[in-house]
PDB file of all heavy atoms in Angstrom:
ATOM      1  N   GLY A   1       0.825  -1.208   0.000  1.00  0.00           N
ATOM      2  CA  GLY A   1       0.000   0.000   0.000  1.00  0.00           C
ATOM      3  C   GLY A   1       0.856   1.253   0.000  1.00  0.00           C
ATOM      4  O   GLY A   1       0.632   2.183  -0.782  1.00  0.00           O
ATOM      5  N   TYR A   2       1.860   1.258   0.837  1.00  0.00           N
ATOM      6  CA  TYR A   2       2.768   2.403   0.921  1.00  0.00           C
ATOM      7  C   TYR A   2       3.501   2.616  -0.406  1.00  0.00           C
ATOM      8  O   TYR A   2       3.585   3.743  -0.911  1.00  0.00           O
ATOM      9  CB  TYR A   2       3.769   2.170   2.060  1.00  0.00           C
ATOM     10  CG  TYR A   2       4.851   3.205   2.125  1.00  0.00           C
ATOM     11  CD1 TYR A   2       4.612   4.455   2.665  1.00  0.00           C
ATOM     12  CD2 TYR A   2       6.127   2.931   1.632  1.00  0.00           C
ATOM     13  CE1 TYR A   2       5.609   5.419   2.713  1.00  0.00           C
ATOM     14  CE2 TYR A   2       7.129   3.881   1.678  1.00  0.00           C
ATOM     15  CZ  TYR A   2       6.864   5.128   2.224  1.00  0.00           C
ATOM     16  OH  TYR A   2       7.850   6.071   2.258  1.00  0.00           O
ATOM     17  N   LEU A   3       4.020   1.534  -0.967  1.00  0.00           N
ATOM     18  CA  LEU A   3       4.741   1.649  -2.236  1.00  0.00           C
ATOM     19  C   LEU A   3       3.815   2.099  -3.364  1.00  0.00           C
ATOM     20  O   LEU A   3       4.216   2.880  -4.234  1.00  0.00           O
ATOM     21  CB  LEU A   3       5.407   0.317  -2.591  1.00  0.00           C
ATOM     22  CG  LEU A   3       6.565  -0.088  -1.682  1.00  0.00           C
ATOM     23  CD1 LEU A   3       6.960  -1.535  -1.946  1.00  0.00           C
ATOM     24  CD2 LEU A   3       7.750   0.845  -1.856  1.00  0.00           C
ATOM     25  N   SER A   4       2.580   1.627  -3.344  1.00  0.00           N
ATOM     26  CA  SER A   4       1.608   2.045  -4.360  1.00  0.00           C
ATOM     27  C   SER A   4       1.327   3.529  -4.255  1.00  0.00           C
ATOM     28  O   SER A   4       1.273   4.236  -5.272  1.00  0.00           O
ATOM     29  CB  SER A   4       0.303   1.257  -4.200  1.00  0.00           C
ATOM     30  OG  SER A   4       0.519  -0.119  -4.399  1.00  0.00           O
ATOM     31  N   LEU A   5       1.159   4.007  -3.034  1.00  0.00           N
ATOM     32  CA  LEU A   5       0.884   5.435  -2.849  1.00  0.00           C
ATOM     33  C   LEU A   5       2.085   6.277  -3.266  1.00  0.00           C
ATOM     34  O   LEU A   5       1.926   7.314  -3.920  1.00  0.00           O
ATOM     35  CB  LEU A   5       0.482   5.724  -1.404  1.00  0.00           C
ATOM     36  CG  LEU A   5      -0.064   7.125  -1.142  1.00  0.00           C
ATOM     37  CD1 LEU A   5      -1.275   7.416  -2.020  1.00  0.00           C
ATOM     38  CD2 LEU A   5      -0.431   7.292   0.323  1.00  0.00           C
ATOM     39  N   ARG A   6       3.266   5.826  -2.930  1.00  0.00           N
ATOM     40  CA  ARG A   6       4.478   6.552  -3.360  1.00  0.00           C
ATOM     41  C   ARG A   6       4.578   6.619  -4.873  1.00  0.00           C
ATOM     42  O   ARG A   6       5.103   7.576  -5.427  1.00  0.00           O
ATOM     43  CB  ARG A   6       5.735   5.897  -2.791  1.00  0.00           C
ATOM     44  CG  ARG A   6       5.876   6.179  -1.321  1.00  0.00           C
ATOM     45  CD  ARG A   6       7.239   6.288  -0.822  1.00  0.00           C
ATOM     46  NE  ARG A   6       8.183   6.924  -1.721  1.00  0.00           N
ATOM     47  CZ  ARG A   6       9.470   6.955  -1.528  1.00  0.00           C
ATOM     48  NH1 ARG A   6       9.971   6.388  -0.469  1.00  0.00           N
ATOM     49  NH2 ARG A   6      10.268   7.538  -2.368  1.00  0.00           N
ATOM     50  N   ALA A   7       4.061   5.596  -5.540  1.00  0.00           N
ATOM     51  CA  ALA A   7       4.076   5.570  -7.008  1.00  0.00           C
ATOM     52  C   ALA A   7       2.897   6.349  -7.597  1.00  0.00           C
ATOM     53  O   ALA A   7       2.768   6.434  -8.807  1.00  0.00           O
ATOM     54  CB  ALA A   7       4.042   4.124  -7.497  1.00  0.00           C
ATOM     55  N   GLY A   8       2.054   6.901  -6.729  1.00  0.00           N
ATOM     56  CA  GLY A   8       0.928   7.715  -7.190  1.00  0.00           C
ATOM     57  C   GLY A   8      -0.342   6.939  -7.471  1.00  0.00           C
ATOM     58  O   GLY A   8      -1.297   7.485  -8.003  1.00  0.00           O
ATOM     59  N   ASP A   9      -0.374   5.666  -7.099  1.00  0.00           N
ATOM     60  CA  ASP A   9      -1.559   4.843  -7.346  1.00  0.00           C
ATOM     61  C   ASP A   9      -2.361   4.709  -6.054  1.00  0.00           C
ATOM     62  O   ASP A   9      -2.249   3.718  -5.338  1.00  0.00           O
ATOM     63  CB  ASP A   9      -1.141   3.476  -7.881  1.00  0.00           C
ATOM     64  CG  ASP A   9      -2.299   2.656  -8.412  1.00  0.00           C
ATOM     65  OD1 ASP A   9      -3.470   2.994  -8.108  1.00  0.00           O
ATOM     66  OD2 ASP A   9      -2.041   1.670  -9.129  1.00  0.00           O
ATOM     67  N   ASP A  10      -3.182   5.720  -5.763  1.00  0.00           N
ATOM     68  CA  ASP A  10      -3.918   5.717  -4.503  1.00  0.00           C
ATOM     69  C   ASP A  10      -5.007   4.648  -4.464  1.00  0.00           C
ATOM     70  O   ASP A  10      -5.343   4.140  -3.398  1.00  0.00           O
ATOM     71  CB  ASP A  10      -4.480   7.104  -4.190  1.00  0.00           C
ATOM     72  CG  ASP A  10      -5.503   7.595  -5.192  1.00  0.00           C
ATOM     73  OD1 ASP A  10      -5.289   7.429  -6.409  1.00  0.00           O
ATOM     74  OD2 ASP A  10      -6.516   8.156  -4.748  1.00  0.00           O
ATOM     75  N   ARG A  11      -5.535   4.253  -5.603  1.00  0.00           N
ATOM     76  CA  ARG A  11      -6.551   3.197  -5.619  1.00  0.00           C
ATOM     77  C   ARG A  11      -5.943   1.852  -5.223  1.00  0.00           C
ATOM     78  O   ARG A  11      -6.539   1.083  -4.465  1.00  0.00           O
ATOM     79  CB  ARG A  11      -7.213   3.118  -6.989  1.00  0.00           C
ATOM     80  CG  ARG A  11      -8.067   4.367  -7.260  1.00  0.00           C
ATOM     81  CD  ARG A  11      -8.611   4.418  -8.655  1.00  0.00           C
ATOM     82  NE  ARG A  11      -9.630   3.375  -8.814  1.00  0.00           N
ATOM     83  CZ  ARG A  11     -10.161   3.057  -9.971  1.00  0.00           C
ATOM     84  NH1 ARG A  11      -9.786   3.672 -11.073  1.00  0.00           N
ATOM     85  NH2 ARG A  11     -11.076   2.115 -10.047  1.00  0.00           N
ATOM     86  N   LYS A  12      -4.763   1.586  -5.729  1.00  0.00           N
ATOM     87  CA  LYS A  12      -4.078   0.342  -5.364  1.00  0.00           C
ATOM     88  C   LYS A  12      -3.663   0.376  -3.885  1.00  0.00           C
ATOM     89  O   LYS A  12      -3.758  -0.628  -3.182  1.00  0.00           O
ATOM     90  CB  LYS A  12      -2.861   0.129  -6.262  1.00  0.00           C
ATOM     91  CG  LYS A  12      -2.284  -1.253  -6.210  1.00  0.00           C
ATOM     92  CD  LYS A  12      -1.236  -1.429  -7.296  1.00  0.00           C
ATOM     93  CE  LYS A  12      -0.799  -2.861  -7.420  1.00  0.00           C
ATOM     94  NZ  LYS A  12       0.194  -3.022  -8.481  1.00  0.00           N
ATOM     95  N   ALA A  13      -3.220   1.545  -3.434  1.00  0.00           N
ATOM     96  CA  ALA A  13      -2.870   1.692  -2.020  1.00  0.00           C
ATOM     97  C   ALA A  13      -4.081   1.399  -1.145  1.00  0.00           C
ATOM     98  O   ALA A  13      -3.982   0.664  -0.153  1.00  0.00           O
ATOM     99  CB  ALA A  13      -2.338   3.099  -1.748  1.00  0.00           C
ATOM    100  N   GLU A  14      -5.219   1.959  -1.520  1.00  0.00           N
ATOM    101  CA  GLU A  14      -6.436   1.713  -0.743  1.00  0.00           C
ATOM    102  C   GLU A  14      -6.776   0.222  -0.714  1.00  0.00           C
ATOM    103  O   GLU A  14      -7.149  -0.323   0.329  1.00  0.00           O
ATOM    104  CB  GLU A  14      -7.616   2.494  -1.312  1.00  0.00           C
ATOM    105  CG  GLU A  14      -8.891   2.268  -0.530  1.00  0.00           C
ATOM    106  CD  GLU A  14     -10.073   3.067  -1.026  1.00  0.00           C
ATOM    107  OE1 GLU A  14      -9.950   3.806  -2.030  1.00  0.00           O
ATOM    108  OE2 GLU A  14     -11.136   2.969  -0.394  1.00  0.00           O
ATOM    109  N   TYR A  15      -6.644  -0.432  -1.851  1.00  0.00           N
ATOM    110  CA  TYR A  15      -6.904  -1.873  -1.920  1.00  0.00           C
ATOM    111  C   TYR A  15      -6.060  -2.620  -0.883  1.00  0.00           C
ATOM    112  O   TYR A  15      -6.579  -3.427  -0.100  1.00  0.00           O
ATOM    113  CB  TYR A  15      -6.599  -2.392  -3.334  1.00  0.00           C
ATOM    114  CG  TYR A  15      -6.547  -3.896  -3.405  1.00  0.00           C
ATOM    115  CD1 TYR A  15      -7.718  -4.641  -3.512  1.00  0.00           C
ATOM    116  CD2 TYR A  15      -5.330  -4.573  -3.346  1.00  0.00           C
ATOM    117  CE1 TYR A  15      -7.670  -6.027  -3.560  1.00  0.00           C
ATOM    118  CE2 TYR A  15      -5.279  -5.957  -3.398  1.00  0.00           C
ATOM    119  CZ  TYR A  15      -6.449  -6.682  -3.501  1.00  0.00           C
ATOM    120  OH  TYR A  15      -6.396  -8.048  -3.540  1.00  0.00           O
ATOM    121  N   TRP A  16      -4.750  -2.337  -0.871  1.00  0.00           N
ATOM    122  CA  TRP A  16      -3.863  -3.062   0.050  1.00  0.00           C
ATOM    123  C   TRP A  16      -4.136  -2.713   1.499  1.00  0.00           C
ATOM    124  O   TRP A  16      -4.125  -3.593   2.372  1.00  0.00           O
ATOM    125  CB  TRP A  16      -2.394  -2.821  -0.316  1.00  0.00           C
ATOM    126  CG  TRP A  16      -2.005  -3.560  -1.543  1.00  0.00           C
ATOM    127  CD1 TRP A  16      -1.621  -3.041  -2.745  1.00  0.00           C
ATOM    128  CD2 TRP A  16      -1.968  -4.985  -1.714  1.00  0.00           C
ATOM    129  NE1 TRP A  16      -1.357  -4.039  -3.645  1.00  0.00           N
ATOM    130  CE2 TRP A  16      -1.561  -5.243  -3.034  1.00  0.00           C
ATOM    131  CE3 TRP A  16      -2.240  -6.058  -0.880  1.00  0.00           C
ATOM    132  CZ2 TRP A  16      -1.419  -6.539  -3.538  1.00  0.00           C
ATOM    133  CZ3 TRP A  16      -2.099  -7.353  -1.381  1.00  0.00           C
ATOM    134  CH2 TRP A  16      -1.692  -7.575  -2.688  1.00  0.00           C
ATOM    135  N   TYR A  17      -4.389  -1.441   1.789  1.00  0.00           N
ATOM    136  CA  TYR A  17      -4.674  -1.063   3.179  1.00  0.00           C
ATOM    137  C   TYR A  17      -5.972  -1.697   3.664  1.00  0.00           C
ATOM    138  O   TYR A  17      -6.046  -2.204   4.780  1.00  0.00           O
ATOM    139  CB  TYR A  17      -4.744   0.454   3.335  1.00  0.00           C
ATOM    140  CG  TYR A  17      -3.428   1.161   3.112  1.00  0.00           C
ATOM    141  CD1 TYR A  17      -3.402   2.449   2.582  1.00  0.00           C
ATOM    142  CD2 TYR A  17      -2.207   0.571   3.415  1.00  0.00           C
ATOM    143  CE1 TYR A  17      -2.201   3.117   2.372  1.00  0.00           C
ATOM    144  CE2 TYR A  17      -1.010   1.227   3.200  1.00  0.00           C
ATOM    145  CZ  TYR A  17      -1.019   2.499   2.689  1.00  0.00           C
ATOM    146  OH  TYR A  17       0.166   3.155   2.481  1.00  0.00           O
ATOM    147  N   ARG A  18      -6.998  -1.674   2.834  1.00  0.00           N
ATOM    148  CA  ARG A  18      -8.277  -2.275   3.241  1.00  0.00           C
ATOM    149  C   ARG A  18      -8.135  -3.793   3.432  1.00  0.00           C
ATOM    150  O   ARG A  18      -8.721  -4.355   4.358  1.00  0.00           O
ATOM    151  CB  ARG A  18      -9.367  -1.960   2.235  1.00  0.00           C
ATOM    152  CG  ARG A  18      -9.825  -0.523   2.310  1.00  0.00           C
ATOM    153  CD  ARG A  18     -11.128  -0.300   1.568  1.00  0.00           C
ATOM    154  NE  ARG A  18     -11.509   1.082   1.567  1.00  0.00           N
ATOM    155  CZ  ARG A  18     -12.137   1.701   2.569  1.00  0.00           C
ATOM    156  NH1 ARG A  18     -12.430   1.031   3.671  1.00  0.00           N
ATOM    157  NH2 ARG A  18     -12.463   2.976   2.470  1.00  0.00           N
ATOM    158  N   LYS A  19      -7.376  -4.413   2.578  1.00  0.00           N
ATOM    159  CA  LYS A  19      -7.144  -5.862   2.702  1.00  0.00           C
ATOM    160  C   LYS A  19      -6.407  -6.163   4.014  1.00  0.00           C
ATOM    161  O   LYS A  19      -6.766  -7.091   4.738  1.00  0.00           O
ATOM    162  CB  LYS A  19      -6.354  -6.353   1.490  1.00  0.00           C
ATOM    163  CG  LYS A  19      -6.254  -7.843   1.392  1.00  0.00           C
ATOM    164  CD  LYS A  19      -5.724  -8.267   0.035  1.00  0.00           C
ATOM    165  CE  LYS A  19      -5.527  -9.749   0.016  1.00  0.00           C
ATOM    166  NZ  LYS A  19      -6.190 -10.419  -1.052  1.00  0.00           N
ATOM    167  N   ALA A  20      -5.386  -5.378   4.313  1.00  0.00           N
ATOM    168  CA  ALA A  20      -4.632  -5.557   5.557  1.00  0.00           C
ATOM    169  C   ALA A  20      -5.530  -5.349   6.775  1.00  0.00           C
ATOM    170  O   ALA A  20      -5.507  -6.140   7.724  1.00  0.00           O
ATOM    171  CB  ALA A  20      -3.445  -4.595   5.594  1.00  0.00           C
ATOM    172  N   LEU A  21      -6.336  -4.287   6.740  1.00  0.00           N
ATOM    173  CA  LEU A  21      -7.183  -3.974   7.889  1.00  0.00           C
ATOM    174  C   LEU A  21      -8.334  -4.964   8.051  1.00  0.00           C
ATOM    175  O   LEU A  21      -8.825  -5.167   9.164  1.00  0.00           O
ATOM    176  CB  LEU A  21      -7.702  -2.539   7.782  1.00  0.00           C
ATOM    177  CG  LEU A  21      -6.615  -1.482   7.984  1.00  0.00           C
ATOM    178  CD1 LEU A  21      -7.111  -0.107   7.571  1.00  0.00           C
ATOM    179  CD2 LEU A  21      -6.122  -1.488   9.427  1.00  0.00           C
ATOM    180  N   ALA A  22      -8.759  -5.586   6.961  1.00  0.00           N
ATOM    181  CA  ALA A  22      -9.783  -6.619   7.074  1.00  0.00           C
ATOM    182  C   ALA A  22      -9.240  -7.816   7.856  1.00  0.00           C
ATOM    183  O   ALA A  22      -9.976  -8.459   8.610  1.00  0.00           O
ATOM    184  CB  ALA A  22     -10.248  -7.050   5.687  1.00  0.00           C
ATOM    185  N   LEU A  23      -7.955  -8.097   7.686  1.00  0.00           N
ATOM    186  CA  LEU A  23      -7.328  -9.208   8.399  1.00  0.00           C
ATOM    187  C   LEU A  23      -6.935  -8.828   9.825  1.00  0.00           C
ATOM    188  O   LEU A  23      -7.044  -9.639  10.743  1.00  0.00           O
ATOM    189  CB  LEU A  23      -6.090  -9.689   7.643  1.00  0.00           C
ATOM    190  CG  LEU A  23      -6.375 -10.390   6.320  1.00  0.00           C
ATOM    191  CD1 LEU A  23      -5.087 -10.561   5.522  1.00  0.00           C
ATOM    192  CD2 LEU A  23      -7.025 -11.743   6.575  1.00  0.00           C
ATOM    193  N   GLU A  24      -6.433  -7.612   9.989  1.00  0.00           N
ATOM    194  CA  GLU A  24      -5.967  -7.141  11.307  1.00  0.00           C
ATOM    195  C   GLU A  24      -6.463  -5.715  11.533  1.00  0.00           C
ATOM    196  O   GLU A  24      -5.736  -4.750  11.302  1.00  0.00           O
ATOM    197  CB  GLU A  24      -4.441  -7.160  11.378  1.00  0.00           C
ATOM    198  CG  GLU A  24      -3.834  -8.528  11.481  1.00  0.00           C
ATOM    199  CD  GLU A  24      -2.316  -8.485  11.632  1.00  0.00           C
ATOM    200  OE1 GLU A  24      -1.752  -7.439  12.081  1.00  0.00           O
ATOM    201  OE2 GLU A  24      -1.678  -9.481  11.278  1.00  0.00           O
ATOM    202  N   PRO A  25      -7.706  -5.564  11.995  1.00  0.00           N
ATOM    203  CA  PRO A  25      -8.278  -4.221  12.172  1.00  0.00           C
ATOM    204  C   PRO A  25      -7.485  -3.325  13.127  1.00  0.00           C
ATOM    205  O   PRO A  25      -7.552  -2.104  13.020  1.00  0.00           O
ATOM    206  CB  PRO A  25      -9.673  -4.490  12.725  1.00  0.00           C
ATOM    207  CG  PRO A  25      -9.954  -5.914  12.429  1.00  0.00           C
ATOM    208  CD  PRO A  25      -8.636  -6.613  12.313  1.00  0.00           C
ATOM    209  N   ASP A  26      -6.735  -3.923  14.038  1.00  0.00           N
ATOM    210  CA  ASP A  26      -5.973  -3.136  15.005  1.00  0.00           C
ATOM    211  C   ASP A  26      -4.508  -2.966  14.622  1.00  0.00           C
ATOM    212  O   ASP A  26      -3.696  -2.556  15.452  1.00  0.00           O
ATOM    213  CB  ASP A  26      -6.071  -3.773  16.401  1.00  0.00           C
ATOM    214  CG  ASP A  26      -7.463  -3.644  16.986  1.00  0.00           C
ATOM    215  OD1 ASP A  26      -8.227  -2.770  16.532  1.00  0.00           O
ATOM    216  OD2 ASP A  26      -7.793  -4.429  17.894  1.00  0.00           O
TER     217      ASP A  26
END
């Protein structure tokens, strides 16, 4: 997610962050 955002792909970043948080909300 971080690397995607650094590359300017905020949609891909959101995908990875949401996937991570679905597994570990905390």
